[in-house]
């Protein structure tokens, strides 16, 4: 009973936090001052049907409310400037990484040479010690082969062995340091190169895609439903959206920006969709190196498919007899 009471209290707190007027005001603010990647700003509406357990049913009770807008993956002016700066920085970092790789190669050769010298000194010392034992046995033939002579410092050069061993240890430490330096340089170079390549990758999604956001009174402004909170209501080829219904996947909702680290905003959700279209892995906080190769291949394949589709649309729109049919947003022809 206590658990049920706690859950009920939590639901009541969420419902009391939901403010339909504030949500409408936030949408009107976006309409009046939209981000450069947002267009075709719609209004709140209650859907005629909702999907529950793969069944279409009419909504009952309070809400839900749907809001639609077009979100583009085209880079903003600030993002374009950041890409250009990243391109210049990438050249410098790649050069630094190349120098680090060359230094590592020299360090590894130095280590190999030090190990070779140590092995040679160790081998020579062993031979000298063996020769000394044999000479002693020849002088005392009646003692037998179990005689173990005292080490003769003149026969084994301990100082040379210690010096060679120290040289190996120093070379190993240097190689380890150079490996870390090279790894860090390559990591920084790849990170900047990834930022520099955004302009090319964003071309595949530089189009106003229609997006529907669904608000539930029991969830907003704390969260969106990870089942149907954000959906693309258009044709789009992307490896990281649900194939059947074009819903966003769970990582999208976990990485949504929050106001004061607590509540969501409509503007923040639209920004998250834009960042997803520009660079989904970075938007979701997934290091590029940790993503499996199969995912990279799927993303590249879908990106190319989307590029081909948009290229066909743009080429065809220049040949049609009635260009107004391809205007975005659609509007009546002036008489």
C-alpha atoms as a PDB file:
ATOM      1  CA  UNK A   1       0.000   0.000   0.000  1.00  0.00           C
ATOM      2  CA  UNK A   2       2.888   2.343   0.780  1.00  0.00           C
ATOM      3  CA  UNK A   3       4.508   1.710  -2.622  1.00  0.00           C
ATOM      4  CA  UNK A   4       1.200   2.288  -4.405  1.00  0.00           C
ATOM      5  CA  UNK A   5       0.679   5.488  -2.444  1.00  0.00           C
ATOM      6  CA  UNK A   6       4.178   6.707  -3.329  1.00  0.00           C
ATOM      7  CA  UNK A   7       3.619   5.991  -7.028  1.00  0.00           C
ATOM      8  CA  UNK A   8       0.282   7.769  -6.932  1.00  0.00           C
ATOM      9  CA  UNK A   9       1.862  10.800  -5.263  1.00  0.00           C
ATOM     10  CA  UNK A  10       4.598  10.906  -7.905  1.00  0.00           C
ATOM     11  CA  UNK A  11       2.017  10.785 -10.716  1.00  0.00           C
ATOM     12  CA  UNK A  12       0.050  13.592  -9.109  1.00  0.00           C
ATOM     13  CA  UNK A  13       3.227  15.693  -8.834  1.00  0.00           C
ATOM     14  CA  UNK A  14       3.962  15.168 -12.529  1.00  0.00           C
ATOM     15  CA  UNK A  15       0.410  16.014 -13.539  1.00  0.00           C
ATOM     16  CA  UNK A  16       0.497  19.158 -11.442  1.00  0.00           C
ATOM     17  CA  UNK A  17       3.748  20.186 -13.173  1.00  0.00           C
ATOM     18  CA  UNK A  18       2.148  19.933 -16.620  1.00  0.00           C
ATOM     19  CA  UNK A  19       0.935  23.319 -17.849  1.00  0.00           C
ATOM     20  CA  UNK A  20      -0.843  23.344 -21.192  1.00  0.00           C
ATOM     21  CA  UNK A  21      -0.849  27.142 -21.427  1.00  0.00           C
ATOM     22  CA  UNK A  22       2.893  27.281 -20.790  1.00  0.00           C
ATOM     23  CA  UNK A  23       3.451  24.632 -23.471  1.00  0.00           C
ATOM     24  CA  UNK A  24       1.392  26.633 -25.980  1.00  0.00           C
ATOM     25  CA  UNK A  25       3.293  29.794 -25.076  1.00  0.00           C
ATOM     26  CA  UNK A  26       6.608  28.011 -25.628  1.00  0.00           C
ATOM     27  CA  UNK A  27       5.482  26.869 -29.081  1.00  0.00           C
ATOM     28  CA  UNK A  28       4.332  30.381 -29.993  1.00  0.00           C
ATOM     29  CA  UNK A  29       7.735  31.695 -28.953  1.00  0.00           C
ATOM     30  CA  UNK A  30       9.348  29.210 -31.343  1.00  0.00           C
ATOM     31  CA  UNK A  31       6.979  30.298 -34.099  1.00  0.00           C
ATOM     32  CA  UNK A  32       7.915  33.934 -33.538  1.00  0.00           C
ATOM     33  CA  UNK A  33      11.647  33.254 -33.214  1.00  0.00           C
ATOM     34  CA  UNK A  34      12.491  29.869 -34.753  1.00  0.00           C
ATOM     35  CA  UNK A  35      16.040  28.478 -34.840  1.00  0.00           C
ATOM     36  CA  UNK A  36      17.562  28.479 -38.362  1.00  0.00           C
ATOM     37  CA  UNK A  37      17.016  24.725 -38.665  1.00  0.00           C
ATOM     38  CA  UNK A  38      13.288  24.816 -37.769  1.00  0.00           C
ATOM     39  CA  UNK A  39      10.419  25.671 -40.132  1.00  0.00           C
ATOM     40  CA  UNK A  40       6.740  24.868 -40.704  1.00  0.00           C
ATOM     41  CA  UNK A  41       5.939  25.292 -37.010  1.00  0.00           C
ATOM     42  CA  UNK A  42       2.551  23.733 -36.258  1.00  0.00           C
ATOM     43  CA  UNK A  43       0.171  23.955 -33.312  1.00  0.00           C
ATOM     44  CA  UNK A  44      -0.822  21.603 -30.524  1.00  0.00           C
ATOM     45  CA  UNK A  45      -3.565  19.131 -31.360  1.00  0.00           C
ATOM     46  CA  UNK A  46      -5.021  15.975 -29.863  1.00  0.00           C
ATOM     47  CA  UNK A  47      -4.546  13.021 -32.224  1.00  0.00           C
ATOM     48  CA  UNK A  48      -7.646  11.265 -33.540  1.00  0.00           C
ATOM     49  CA  UNK A  49      -6.089   7.880 -32.815  1.00  0.00           C
ATOM     50  CA  UNK A  50      -3.114   6.671 -30.817  1.00  0.00           C
ATOM     51  CA  UNK A  51      -1.207   3.408 -31.055  1.00  0.00           C
ATOM     52  CA  UNK A  52      -1.405   1.235 -27.946  1.00  0.00           C
ATOM     53  CA  UNK A  53      -0.143  -2.352 -27.971  1.00  0.00           C
ATOM     54  CA  UNK A  54      -0.044  -2.246 -31.779  1.00  0.00           C
ATOM     55  CA  UNK A  55      -3.729  -1.305 -31.805  1.00  0.00           C
ATOM     56  CA  UNK A  56      -5.249   2.009 -32.931  1.00  0.00           C
ATOM     57  CA  UNK A  57      -7.476   3.476 -30.222  1.00  0.00           C
ATOM     58  CA  UNK A  58      -9.077   6.840 -29.551  1.00  0.00           C
ATOM     59  CA  UNK A  59      -7.361   8.814 -26.783  1.00  0.00           C
ATOM     60  CA  UNK A  60      -9.219   9.201 -23.518  1.00  0.00           C
ATOM     61  CA  UNK A  61      -8.663  11.536 -20.613  1.00  0.00           C
ATOM     62  CA  UNK A  62      -6.249  14.476 -20.736  1.00  0.00           C
ATOM     63  CA  UNK A  63      -4.258  14.595 -23.944  1.00  0.00           C
ATOM     64  CA  UNK A  64      -1.954  13.530 -25.384  1.00  0.00           C
ATOM     65  CA  UNK A  65      -0.996  16.565 -27.489  1.00  0.00           C
ATOM     66  CA  UNK A  66       0.945  16.445 -30.740  1.00  0.00           C
ATOM     67  CA  UNK A  67       3.144  19.179 -32.132  1.00  0.00           C
ATOM     68  CA  UNK A  68       4.735  19.101 -35.581  1.00  0.00           C
ATOM     69  CA  UNK A  69       7.571  21.077 -37.106  1.00  0.00           C
ATOM     70  CA  UNK A  70      10.146  20.618 -39.849  1.00  0.00           C
ATOM     71  CA  UNK A  71      13.722  20.145 -38.637  1.00  0.00           C
ATOM     72  CA  UNK A  72      16.731  20.252 -40.942  1.00  0.00           C
ATOM     73  CA  UNK A  73      20.199  18.804 -40.573  1.00  0.00           C
ATOM     74  CA  UNK A  74      21.715  21.710 -42.520  1.00  0.00           C
ATOM     75  CA  UNK A  75      24.496  23.374 -40.566  1.00  0.00           C
ATOM     76  CA  UNK A  76      23.868  26.777 -39.051  1.00  0.00           C
ATOM     77  CA  UNK A  77      26.265  29.652 -39.739  1.00  0.00           C
ATOM     78  CA  UNK A  78      27.968  29.046 -36.399  1.00  0.00           C
ATOM     79  CA  UNK A  79      28.328  25.333 -37.129  1.00  0.00           C
ATOM     80  CA  UNK A  80      29.745  26.080 -40.597  1.00  0.00           C
ATOM     81  CA  UNK A  81      32.326  28.424 -39.055  1.00  0.00           C
ATOM     82  CA  UNK A  82      33.240  25.756 -36.505  1.00  0.00           C
ATOM     83  CA  UNK A  83      33.729  23.240 -39.339  1.00  0.00           C
ATOM     84  CA  UNK A  84      36.064  25.576 -41.206  1.00  0.00           C
ATOM     85  CA  UNK A  85      38.083  26.199 -38.057  1.00  0.00           C
ATOM     86  CA  UNK A  86      38.199  22.440 -37.416  1.00  0.00           C
ATOM     87  CA  UNK A  87      39.530  21.811 -40.934  1.00  0.00           C
ATOM     88  CA  UNK A  88      42.491  24.119 -40.331  1.00  0.00           C
ATOM     89  CA  UNK A  89      43.110  22.637 -36.904  1.00  0.00           C
ATOM     90  CA  UNK A  90      42.834  19.086 -38.270  1.00  0.00           C
ATOM     91  CA  UNK A  91      45.750  19.693 -40.650  1.00  0.00           C
ATOM     92  CA  UNK A  92      47.961  20.836 -37.772  1.00  0.00           C
ATOM     93  CA  UNK A  93      46.926  17.972 -35.501  1.00  0.00           C
ATOM     94  CA  UNK A  94      47.411  15.371 -38.210  1.00  0.00           C
ATOM     95  CA  UNK A  95      50.947  16.719 -38.769  1.00  0.00           C
ATOM     96  CA  UNK A  96      51.606  16.518 -35.010  1.00  0.00           C
ATOM     97  CA  UNK A  97      50.291  12.954 -34.995  1.00  0.00           C
ATOM     98  CA  UNK A  98      52.602  12.054 -37.884  1.00  0.00           C
ATOM     99  CA  UNK A  99      55.586  13.471 -35.962  1.00  0.00           C
ATOM    100  CA  UNK A 100      54.537  11.486 -32.886  1.00  0.00           C
ATOM    101  CA  UNK A 101      54.355   8.304 -34.987  1.00  0.00           C
ATOM    102  CA  UNK A 102      57.848   8.938 -36.365  1.00  0.00           C
ATOM    103  CA  UNK A 103      59.210   9.546 -32.858  1.00  0.00           C
ATOM    104  CA  UNK A 104      57.604   6.300 -31.710  1.00  0.00           C
ATOM    105  CA  UNK A 105      59.219   4.401 -34.590  1.00  0.00           C
ATOM    106  CA  UNK A 106      62.638   5.809 -33.622  1.00  0.00           C
ATOM    107  CA  UNK A 107      62.014   4.908 -29.997  1.00  0.00           C
ATOM    108  CA  UNK A 108      61.057   1.328 -30.910  1.00  0.00           C
ATOM    109  CA  UNK A 109      64.237   0.974 -33.007  1.00  0.00           C
ATOM    110  CA  UNK A 110      66.242   2.285 -30.078  1.00  0.00           C
ATOM    111  CA  UNK A 111      64.563  -0.266 -27.797  1.00  0.00           C
ATOM    112  CA  UNK A 112      65.291  -3.085 -30.250  1.00  0.00           C
ATOM    113  CA  UNK A 113      68.946  -2.037 -30.386  1.00  0.00           C
ATOM    114  CA  UNK A 114      69.173  -1.887 -26.572  1.00  0.00           C
ATOM    115  CA  UNK A 115      67.676  -5.378 -26.265  1.00  0.00           C
ATOM    116  CA  UNK A 116      70.116  -6.659 -28.875  1.00  0.00           C
ATOM    117  CA  UNK A 117      73.069  -5.190 -26.962  1.00  0.00           C
ATOM    118  CA  UNK A 118      71.785  -6.635 -23.680  1.00  0.00           C
ATOM    119  CA  UNK A 119      71.374 -10.072 -25.261  1.00  0.00           C
ATOM    120  CA  UNK A 120      74.873  -9.912 -26.684  1.00  0.00           C
ATOM    121  CA  UNK A 121      76.424  -8.879 -23.347  1.00  0.00           C
ATOM    122  CA  UNK A 122      74.440 -11.575 -21.527  1.00  0.00           C
ATOM    123  CA  UNK A 123      75.479 -14.204 -24.059  1.00  0.00           C
ATOM    124  CA  UNK A 124      79.150 -13.180 -23.884  1.00  0.00           C
ATOM    125  CA  UNK A 125      79.119 -13.196 -20.094  1.00  0.00           C
ATOM    126  CA  UNK A 126      77.614 -16.690 -20.109  1.00  0.00           C
ATOM    127  CA  UNK A 127      80.263 -17.931 -22.477  1.00  0.00           C
ATOM    128  CA  UNK A 128      83.051 -16.452 -20.351  1.00  0.00           C
ATOM    129  CA  UNK A 129      81.630 -18.047 -17.201  1.00  0.00           C
ATOM    130  CA  UNK A 130      81.300 -21.425 -18.918  1.00  0.00           C
ATOM    131  CA  UNK A 131      84.892 -21.200 -20.157  1.00  0.00           C
ATOM    132  CA  UNK A 132      86.074 -20.388 -16.618  1.00  0.00           C
ATOM    133  CA  UNK A 133      84.277 -23.439 -15.182  1.00  0.00           C
ATOM    134  CA  UNK A 134      85.756 -25.724 -17.812  1.00  0.00           C
ATOM    135  CA  UNK A 135      89.246 -24.343 -17.126  1.00  0.00           C
ATOM    136  CA  UNK A 136      88.796 -25.043 -13.402  1.00  0.00           C
ATOM    137  CA  UNK A 137      87.634 -28.613 -14.078  1.00  0.00           C
ATOM    138  CA  UNK A 138      90.694 -29.229 -16.212  1.00  0.00           C
ATOM    139  CA  UNK A 139      92.967 -28.147 -13.350  1.00  0.00           C
ATOM    140  CA  UNK A 140      91.125 -30.405 -10.816  1.00  0.00           C
ATOM    141  CA  UNK A 141      90.156 -33.567 -12.747  1.00  0.00           C
ATOM    142  CA  UNK A 142      89.690 -35.693  -9.598  1.00  0.00           C
ATOM    143  CA  UNK A 143      86.995 -33.428  -8.018  1.00  0.00           C
ATOM    144  CA  UNK A 144      84.210 -34.504 -10.382  1.00  0.00           C
ATOM    145  CA  UNK A 145      81.587 -32.635 -12.432  1.00  0.00           C
ATOM    146  CA  UNK A 146      79.503 -31.447  -9.440  1.00  0.00           C
ATOM    147  CA  UNK A 147      82.033 -28.810  -8.421  1.00  0.00           C
ATOM    148  CA  UNK A 148      80.472 -25.310  -8.558  1.00  0.00           C
ATOM    149  CA  UNK A 149      83.255 -22.720  -8.591  1.00  0.00           C
ATOM    150  CA  UNK A 150      83.017 -19.273  -7.019  1.00  0.00           C
ATOM    151  CA  UNK A 151      82.206 -16.585  -9.554  1.00  0.00           C
ATOM    152  CA  UNK A 152      85.227 -14.786 -10.776  1.00  0.00           C
ATOM    153  CA  UNK A 153      84.410 -11.097 -11.197  1.00  0.00           C
ATOM    154  CA  UNK A 154      87.029 -10.905 -13.869  1.00  0.00           C
ATOM    155  CA  UNK A 155      85.120 -13.482 -15.946  1.00  0.00           C
ATOM    156  CA  UNK A 156      81.608 -11.898 -15.699  1.00  0.00           C
ATOM    157  CA  UNK A 157      81.287  -8.159 -16.312  1.00  0.00           C
ATOM    158  CA  UNK A 158      78.318  -7.271 -14.014  1.00  0.00           C
ATOM    159  CA  UNK A 159      78.722  -3.563 -14.711  1.00  0.00           C
ATOM    160  CA  UNK A 160      78.243  -4.161 -18.447  1.00  0.00           C
ATOM    161  CA  UNK A 161      75.152  -6.289 -17.788  1.00  0.00           C
ATOM    162  CA  UNK A 162      73.641  -3.684 -15.473  1.00  0.00           C
ATOM    163  CA  UNK A 163      74.366  -0.921 -17.951  1.00  0.00           C
ATOM    164  CA  UNK A 164      72.729  -2.869 -20.797  1.00  0.00           C
ATOM    165  CA  UNK A 165      69.710  -3.722 -18.620  1.00  0.00           C
ATOM    166  CA  UNK A 166      69.311  -0.074 -17.594  1.00  0.00           C
ATOM    167  CA  UNK A 167      69.456   0.962 -21.246  1.00  0.00           C
ATOM    168  CA  UNK A 168      66.638  -1.499 -22.052  1.00  0.00           C
ATOM    169  CA  UNK A 169      64.487  -0.229 -19.164  1.00  0.00           C
ATOM    170  CA  UNK A 170      65.026   3.392 -20.194  1.00  0.00           C
ATOM    171  CA  UNK A 171      64.148   2.579 -23.818  1.00  0.00           C
ATOM    172  CA  UNK A 172      61.001   0.701 -22.725  1.00  0.00           C
ATOM    173  CA  UNK A 173      59.864   3.667 -20.597  1.00  0.00           C
ATOM    174  CA  UNK A 174      60.517   6.048 -23.489  1.00  0.00           C
ATOM    175  CA  UNK A 175      58.553   3.858 -25.931  1.00  0.00           C
ATOM    176  CA  UNK A 176      55.621   3.666 -23.512  1.00  0.00           C
ATOM    177  CA  UNK A 177      55.591   7.448 -23.194  1.00  0.00           C
ATOM    178  CA  UNK A 178      55.802   7.867 -26.978  1.00  0.00           C
ATOM    179  CA  UNK A 179      52.947   5.404 -27.489  1.00  0.00           C
ATOM    180  CA  UNK A 180      50.725   7.395 -25.148  1.00  0.00           C
ATOM    181  CA  UNK A 181      51.759  10.600 -26.908  1.00  0.00           C
ATOM    182  CA  UNK A 182      50.960   9.135 -30.325  1.00  0.00           C
ATOM    183  CA  UNK A 183      47.618   7.741 -29.115  1.00  0.00           C
ATOM    184  CA  UNK A 184      46.585  11.115 -27.696  1.00  0.00           C
ATOM    185  CA  UNK A 185      47.682  12.935 -30.859  1.00  0.00           C
ATOM    186  CA  UNK A 186      45.735  10.541 -33.098  1.00  0.00           C
ATOM    187  CA  UNK A 187      42.695  10.778 -30.833  1.00  0.00           C
ATOM    188  CA  UNK A 188      42.694  14.581 -30.961  1.00  0.00           C
ATOM    189  CA  UNK A 189      43.236  14.553 -34.731  1.00  0.00           C
ATOM    190  CA  UNK A 190      40.345  12.125 -35.326  1.00  0.00           C
ATOM    191  CA  UNK A 191      38.054  14.154 -33.077  1.00  0.00           C
ATOM    192  CA  UNK A 192      38.753  17.373 -34.952  1.00  0.00           C
ATOM    193  CA  UNK A 193      38.567  15.637 -38.335  1.00  0.00           C
ATOM    194  CA  UNK A 194      35.146  14.335 -37.342  1.00  0.00           C
ATOM    195  CA  UNK A 195      34.018  17.885 -36.617  1.00  0.00           C
ATOM    196  CA  UNK A 196      35.522  19.048 -39.901  1.00  0.00           C
ATOM    197  CA  UNK A 197      33.621  16.373 -41.852  1.00  0.00           C
ATOM    198  CA  UNK A 198      30.229  17.447 -40.509  1.00  0.00           C
ATOM    199  CA  UNK A 199      29.556  19.735 -43.457  1.00  0.00           C
ATOM    200  CA  UNK A 200      29.850  16.791 -45.840  1.00  0.00           C
ATOM    201  CA  UNK A 201      27.849  14.404 -43.675  1.00  0.00           C
ATOM    202  CA  UNK A 202      25.146  16.997 -43.023  1.00  0.00           C
ATOM    203  CA  UNK A 203      24.441  17.357 -46.745  1.00  0.00           C
ATOM    204  CA  UNK A 204      22.558  14.053 -46.680  1.00  0.00           C
ATOM    205  CA  UNK A 205      20.069  15.448 -44.157  1.00  0.00           C
ATOM    206  CA  UNK A 206      20.017  19.124 -45.171  1.00  0.00           C
ATOM    207  CA  UNK A 207      16.288  18.979 -45.726  1.00  0.00           C
ATOM    208  CA  UNK A 208      13.234  20.010 -43.660  1.00  0.00           C
ATOM    209  CA  UNK A 209      12.084  16.679 -42.232  1.00  0.00           C
ATOM    210  CA  UNK A 210       8.649  16.691 -40.644  1.00  0.00           C
ATOM    211  CA  UNK A 211       8.872  15.727 -36.975  1.00  0.00           C
ATOM    212  CA  UNK A 212       6.044  15.029 -34.549  1.00  0.00           C
ATOM    213  CA  UNK A 213       6.566  15.491 -30.792  1.00  0.00           C
ATOM    214  CA  UNK A 214       3.987  13.969 -28.447  1.00  0.00           C
ATOM    215  CA  UNK A 215       3.411  15.411 -24.979  1.00  0.00           C
ATOM    216  CA  UNK A 216       1.809  13.382 -22.191  1.00  0.00           C
ATOM    217  CA  UNK A 217       0.361  15.188 -19.169  1.00  0.00           C
ATOM    218  CA  UNK A 218       1.861  12.508 -16.902  1.00  0.00           C
ATOM    219  CA  UNK A 219       5.369  13.008 -18.310  1.00  0.00           C
ATOM    220  CA  UNK A 220       6.014  16.508 -19.637  1.00  0.00           C
ATOM    221  CA  UNK A 221       8.135  18.529 -18.859  1.00  0.00           C
ATOM    222  CA  UNK A 222      10.229  15.853 -17.153  1.00  0.00           C
ATOM    223  CA  UNK A 223      10.419  13.355 -19.968  1.00  0.00           C
ATOM    224  CA  UNK A 224       8.997  12.157 -23.269  1.00  0.00           C
ATOM    225  CA  UNK A 225       7.738   8.668 -23.972  1.00  0.00           C
ATOM    226  CA  UNK A 226      10.634   6.622 -25.354  1.00  0.00           C
ATOM    227  CA  UNK A 227       8.049   4.600 -27.269  1.00  0.00           C
ATOM    228  CA  UNK A 228       6.485   7.375 -29.363  1.00  0.00           C
ATOM    229  CA  UNK A 229       7.728  10.705 -28.011  1.00  0.00           C
ATOM    230  CA  UNK A 230       9.444  11.849 -31.233  1.00  0.00           C
ATOM    231  CA  UNK A 231       8.636  10.490 -34.679  1.00  0.00           C
ATOM    232  CA  UNK A 232       9.634  11.410 -38.223  1.00  0.00           C
ATOM    233  CA  UNK A 233       6.430  11.779 -40.219  1.00  0.00           C
ATOM    234  CA  UNK A 234       8.140  11.648 -43.597  1.00  0.00           C
ATOM    235  CA  UNK A 235      10.401   9.528 -45.754  1.00  0.00           C
ATOM    236  CA  UNK A 236      13.902   9.420 -44.289  1.00  0.00           C
ATOM    237  CA  UNK A 237      16.714   6.879 -44.508  1.00  0.00           C
ATOM    238  CA  UNK A 238      18.659   6.669 -41.265  1.00  0.00           C
ATOM    239  CA  UNK A 239      20.316   3.768 -39.460  1.00  0.00           C
ATOM    240  CA  UNK A 240      19.432   5.050 -35.962  1.00  0.00           C
ATOM    241  CA  UNK A 241      15.656   5.406 -36.136  1.00  0.00           C
ATOM    242  CA  UNK A 242      13.000   2.734 -35.827  1.00  0.00           C
ATOM    243  CA  UNK A 243      12.481   1.148 -39.244  1.00  0.00           C
ATOM    244  CA  UNK A 244       8.772   0.385 -38.810  1.00  0.00           C
ATOM    245  CA  UNK A 245       7.387   3.657 -37.469  1.00  0.00           C
ATOM    246  CA  UNK A 246      10.320   6.121 -37.709  1.00  0.00           C
ATOM    247  CA  UNK A 247      10.426   6.656 -33.941  1.00  0.00           C
ATOM    248  CA  UNK A 248      13.564   7.891 -32.218  1.00  0.00           C
ATOM    249  CA  UNK A 249      15.484   5.243 -30.279  1.00  0.00           C
ATOM    250  CA  UNK A 250      16.092   5.192 -26.518  1.00  0.00           C
ATOM    251  CA  UNK A 251      19.540   6.921 -26.502  1.00  0.00           C
ATOM    252  CA  UNK A 252      17.911  10.028 -27.987  1.00  0.00           C
ATOM    253  CA  UNK A 253      15.708  10.501 -24.926  1.00  0.00           C
ATOM    254  CA  UNK A 254      18.530   9.808 -22.496  1.00  0.00           C
ATOM    255  CA  UNK A 255      20.654  12.608 -23.971  1.00  0.00           C
ATOM    256  CA  UNK A 256      17.999  15.321 -24.299  1.00  0.00           C
ATOM    257  CA  UNK A 257      19.190  18.729 -23.034  1.00  0.00           C
ATOM    258  CA  UNK A 258      17.472  19.883 -19.864  1.00  0.00           C
ATOM    259  CA  UNK A 259      16.769  23.247 -18.319  1.00  0.00           C
ATOM    260  CA  UNK A 260      18.583  23.459 -14.984  1.00  0.00           C
ATOM    261  CA  UNK A 261      19.338  19.720 -15.448  1.00  0.00           C
ATOM    262  CA  UNK A 262      15.693  18.937 -14.600  1.00  0.00           C
ATOM    263  CA  UNK A 263      13.036  19.848 -17.143  1.00  0.00           C
ATOM    264  CA  UNK A 264      12.779  19.578 -20.902  1.00  0.00           C
ATOM    265  CA  UNK A 265      11.861  22.353 -23.312  1.00  0.00           C
ATOM    266  CA  UNK A 266      10.355  22.165 -26.788  1.00  0.00           C
ATOM    267  CA  UNK A 267      13.223  24.235 -28.164  1.00  0.00           C
ATOM    268  CA  UNK A 268      15.715  21.821 -26.590  1.00  0.00           C
ATOM    269  CA  UNK A 269      13.970  18.796 -28.134  1.00  0.00           C
ATOM    270  CA  UNK A 270      14.072  20.428 -31.593  1.00  0.00           C
ATOM    271  CA  UNK A 271      17.751  21.196 -31.078  1.00  0.00           C
ATOM    272  CA  UNK A 272      18.371  17.557 -30.158  1.00  0.00           C
ATOM    273  CA  UNK A 273      16.683  16.416 -33.388  1.00  0.00           C
ATOM    274  CA  UNK A 274      18.874  18.822 -35.372  1.00  0.00           C
ATOM    275  CA  UNK A 275      22.059  17.593 -33.657  1.00  0.00           C
ATOM    276  CA  UNK A 276      20.970  14.017 -34.332  1.00  0.00           C
ATOM    277  CA  UNK A 277      20.666  14.761 -38.046  1.00  0.00           C
ATOM    278  CA  UNK A 278      24.075  16.493 -38.107  1.00  0.00           C
ATOM    279  CA  UNK A 279      26.056  13.912 -36.088  1.00  0.00           C
ATOM    280  CA  UNK A 280      24.037  11.262 -34.213  1.00  0.00           C
ATOM    281  CA  UNK A 281      26.981   9.591 -32.498  1.00  0.00           C
ATOM    282  CA  UNK A 282      28.261  12.830 -31.007  1.00  0.00           C
ATOM    283  CA  UNK A 283      24.722  13.886 -30.092  1.00  0.00           C
ATOM    284  CA  UNK A 284      24.291  10.659 -28.153  1.00  0.00           C
ATOM    285  CA  UNK A 285      27.730  10.833 -26.559  1.00  0.00           C
ATOM    286  CA  UNK A 286      29.032   7.731 -28.355  1.00  0.00           C
ATOM    287  CA  UNK A 287      32.787   7.842 -29.160  1.00  0.00           C
ATOM    288  CA  UNK A 288      33.287   7.160 -32.850  1.00  0.00           C
ATOM    289  CA  UNK A 289      36.005   4.578 -32.145  1.00  0.00           C
ATOM    290  CA  UNK A 290      33.725   2.573 -29.854  1.00  0.00           C
ATOM    291  CA  UNK A 291      30.922   2.264 -32.404  1.00  0.00           C
ATOM    292  CA  UNK A 292      31.031  -1.109 -34.214  1.00  0.00           C
ATOM    293  CA  UNK A 293      32.106  -1.150 -37.855  1.00  0.00           C
ATOM    294  CA  UNK A 294      28.744  -2.601 -38.855  1.00  0.00           C
ATOM    295  CA  UNK A 295      26.992   0.477 -37.458  1.00  0.00           C
ATOM    296  CA  UNK A 296      29.316   2.793 -39.389  1.00  0.00           C
ATOM    297  CA  UNK A 297      28.572   0.846 -42.554  1.00  0.00           C
ATOM    298  CA  UNK A 298      24.807   1.002 -41.969  1.00  0.00           C
ATOM    299  CA  UNK A 299      24.959   4.737 -41.314  1.00  0.00           C
ATOM    300  CA  UNK A 300      27.012   5.334 -44.466  1.00  0.00           C
ATOM    301  CA  UNK A 301      24.631   3.209 -46.549  1.00  0.00           C
ATOM    302  CA  UNK A 302      21.544   5.044 -45.269  1.00  0.00           C
ATOM    303  CA  UNK A 303      23.251   8.403 -45.720  1.00  0.00           C
ATOM    304  CA  UNK A 304      24.006   7.619 -49.364  1.00  0.00           C
ATOM    305  CA  UNK A 305      20.433   6.444 -49.905  1.00  0.00           C
ATOM    306  CA  UNK A 306      19.084   9.668 -48.456  1.00  0.00           C
ATOM    307  CA  UNK A 307      21.496  11.734 -50.574  1.00  0.00           C
ATOM    308  CA  UNK A 308      20.306   9.984 -53.733  1.00  0.00           C
ATOM    309  CA  UNK A 309      16.667  10.589 -52.853  1.00  0.00           C
ATOM    310  CA  UNK A 310      17.171  14.290 -52.121  1.00  0.00           C
ATOM    311  CA  UNK A 311      19.303  14.705 -55.259  1.00  0.00           C
ATOM    312  CA  UNK A 312      16.509  13.239 -57.374  1.00  0.00           C
ATOM    313  CA  UNK A 313      13.915  15.516 -55.764  1.00  0.00           C
ATOM    314  CA  UNK A 314      16.038  18.620 -56.307  1.00  0.00           C
ATOM    315  CA  UNK A 315      16.816  17.756 -59.924  1.00  0.00           C
ATOM    316  CA  UNK A 316      13.213  16.930 -60.734  1.00  0.00           C
ATOM    317  CA  UNK A 317      11.882  20.100 -59.120  1.00  0.00           C
ATOM    318  CA  UNK A 318      13.841  22.142 -61.683  1.00  0.00           C
ATOM    319  CA  UNK A 319      12.166  20.366 -64.592  1.00  0.00           C
ATOM    320  CA  UNK A 320       8.524  20.369 -63.536  1.00  0.00           C
ATOM    321  CA  UNK A 321       5.913  22.572 -65.206  1.00  0.00           C
ATOM    322  CA  UNK A 322       4.377  23.662 -61.881  1.00  0.00           C
ATOM    323  CA  UNK A 323       7.113  24.620 -59.428  1.00  0.00           C
ATOM    324  CA  UNK A 324       4.583  25.687 -56.808  1.00  0.00           C
ATOM    325  CA  UNK A 325       3.847  22.009 -56.174  1.00  0.00           C
ATOM    326  CA  UNK A 326       7.387  21.634 -54.806  1.00  0.00           C
ATOM    327  CA  UNK A 327       7.430  24.733 -52.608  1.00  0.00           C
ATOM    328  CA  UNK A 328       8.275  24.142 -48.955  1.00  0.00           C
ATOM    329  CA  UNK A 329       6.136  24.969 -47.129  1.00  0.00           C
ATOM    330  CA  UNK A 330       3.311  24.529 -49.648  1.00  0.00           C
ATOM    331  CA  UNK A 331       1.305  27.675 -50.393  1.00  0.00           C
ATOM    332  CA  UNK A 332      -1.354  28.908 -52.777  1.00  0.00           C
ATOM    333  CA  UNK A 333      -0.240  30.470 -56.011  1.00  0.00           C
ATOM    334  CA  UNK A 334      -0.762  34.237 -56.110  1.00  0.00           C
ATOM    335  CA  UNK A 335      -3.485  35.287 -58.582  1.00  0.00           C
END
